[in-house]
Protein backbone atom coordinates (compact mmCIF):
# COMPACT_ATOMS: atom_id res chain seq x y z
CA UNK A 1 -5.93 12.89 -12.95
CA UNK A 2 -7.69 15.52 -14.96
CA UNK A 3 -11.16 17.04 -13.79
CA UNK A 4 -12.99 14.25 -14.06
CA UNK A 5 -14.45 12.06 -11.16
CA UNK A 6 -15.43 9.06 -13.10
CA UNK A 7 -13.54 6.09 -13.75
CA UNK A 8 -10.31 6.70 -15.67
CA UNK A 9 -7.16 4.96 -16.30
CA UNK A 10 -5.04 7.69 -14.96
CA UNK A 11 -6.75 7.00 -11.42
CA UNK A 12 -6.04 3.37 -11.70
CA UNK A 13 -2.56 3.87 -12.35
CA UNK A 14 -2.03 6.27 -9.71
CA UNK A 15 -4.02 3.76 -7.28
CA UNK A 16 -1.82 0.90 -8.56
CA UNK A 17 1.38 2.85 -8.03
CA UNK A 18 0.65 3.92 -4.57
CA UNK A 19 -0.36 0.24 -3.54
CA UNK A 20 3.18 -0.84 -4.73
CA UNK A 21 4.78 1.99 -3.04
CA UNK A 22 2.82 0.78 0.23
CA UNK A 23 4.08 -2.81 -0.18
CA UNK A 24 7.71 -1.63 -0.78
CA UNK A 25 7.56 0.46 2.28
CA UNK A 26 6.30 -2.58 4.34
CA UNK A 27 9.03 -4.69 3.08
CA UNK A 28 11.81 -2.25 3.84
CA UNK A 29 10.17 -1.77 7.42
CA UNK A 30 10.27 -5.45 7.98
CA UNK A 31 13.69 -5.99 6.48
CA UNK A 32 14.93 -3.13 8.95
CA UNK A 33 13.00 -4.10 12.07
CA UNK A 34 13.01 -8.13 11.71
CA UNK A 35 15.49 -8.76 9.23
CA UNK A 36 13.45 -10.22 6.50
CA UNK A 37 10.49 -9.51 4.68
CA UNK A 38 7.63 -11.35 3.18
CA UNK A 39 8.65 -13.22 -0.18
CA UNK A 40 5.18 -14.86 -0.88
CA UNK A 41 2.72 -13.79 -3.23
CA UNK A 42 0.04 -13.34 -0.63
CA UNK A 43 -0.06 -9.85 0.56
CA UNK A 44 -1.84 -11.11 3.78
CA UNK A 45 1.57 -12.62 4.76
CA UNK A 46 3.13 -9.22 4.29
CA UNK A 47 0.32 -7.67 6.46
CA UNK A 48 1.02 -10.21 9.32
CA UNK A 49 4.64 -9.96 9.11
CA UNK A 50 4.54 -6.09 9.47
CA UNK A 51 1.93 -6.48 12.53
CA UNK A 52 5.05 -8.25 14.11
CA UNK A 53 7.08 -4.93 13.90
CA UNK A 54 7.07 -2.68 17.20
CA UNK A 55 4.13 -0.32 16.55
CA UNK A 56 3.24 -2.03 13.36
CA UNK A 57 -0.27 -3.18 13.78
CA UNK A 58 -1.91 0.04 12.55
CA UNK A 59 0.42 0.00 9.39
CA UNK A 60 -0.48 -3.80 8.93
CA UNK A 61 -4.16 -2.94 8.81
CA UNK A 62 -3.50 -0.22 6.52
CA UNK A 63 -1.44 -2.28 4.26
CA UNK A 64 -4.27 -5.20 4.19
CA UNK A 65 -7.01 -2.55 3.23
CA UNK A 66 -4.59 -1.08 0.39
CA UNK A 67 -3.47 -4.69 -0.84
CA UNK A 68 -7.09 -5.91 -0.82
CA UNK A 69 -7.56 -3.11 -3.64
CA UNK A 70 -4.55 -4.02 -5.71
CA UNK A 71 -6.33 -6.33 -8.01
CA UNK A 72 -9.21 -4.07 -8.68
CA UNK A 73 -6.41 -1.06 -9.28
CA UNK A 74 -4.39 -3.06 -11.65
CA UNK A 75 -6.42 -5.55 -13.39
CA UNK A 76 -10.10 -4.62 -12.99
CA UNK A 77 -12.13 -1.74 -13.96
CA UNK A 78 -10.74 1.58 -14.07
CA UNK A 79 -11.40 3.50 -10.62
CA UNK A 80 -12.49 6.79 -9.75
CA UNK A 81 -10.65 9.76 -8.95
CA UNK A 82 -11.82 9.48 -5.58
CA UNK A 83 -10.85 6.08 -4.93
CA UNK A 84 -7.16 7.10 -6.25
CA UNK A 85 -7.15 9.81 -3.80
CA UNK A 86 -7.97 7.63 -0.94
CA UNK A 87 -5.53 5.10 -1.82
CA UNK A 88 -2.49 7.47 -2.31
CA UNK A 89 -3.31 8.87 0.80
CA UNK A 90 -3.38 5.99 2.58
CA UNK A 91 -0.22 4.57 1.16
CA UNK A 92 1.51 8.00 1.62
CA UNK A 93 0.75 7.58 5.20
CA UNK A 94 2.43 4.18 5.28
CA UNK A 95 5.58 5.54 3.11
CA UNK A 96 5.57 8.28 5.67
CA UNK A 97 6.44 5.89 8.44
CA UNK A 98 9.82 4.78 6.84
CA UNK A 99 11.92 7.57 8.93
CA UNK A 100 10.56 5.99 12.24
CA UNK A 101 12.31 2.84 11.41
CA UNK A 102 15.79 4.69 10.23
CA UNK A 103 14.78 4.46 6.59
């Protein structure tokens, strides 16, 4: 992401990809634990479904926070490197939960 702390397209791409990874992780967890995943376009549904998984409430909260930033990261003005670091770190924790569910 370079040295700049200001908004950049690189930071936006990093944030966007991290959010997509978190959504994919949530889908995988729900598929494994519940036998299905959210298929709607509203990511709040995915978070609500993830909350139904045993020990899924903290993950659902994290997913909801991440997906609330999705539109900005993908279609809005560029985000800063700090936002990208925060988003990638948060998404990484959701992805890191996959082994707990046998994934």
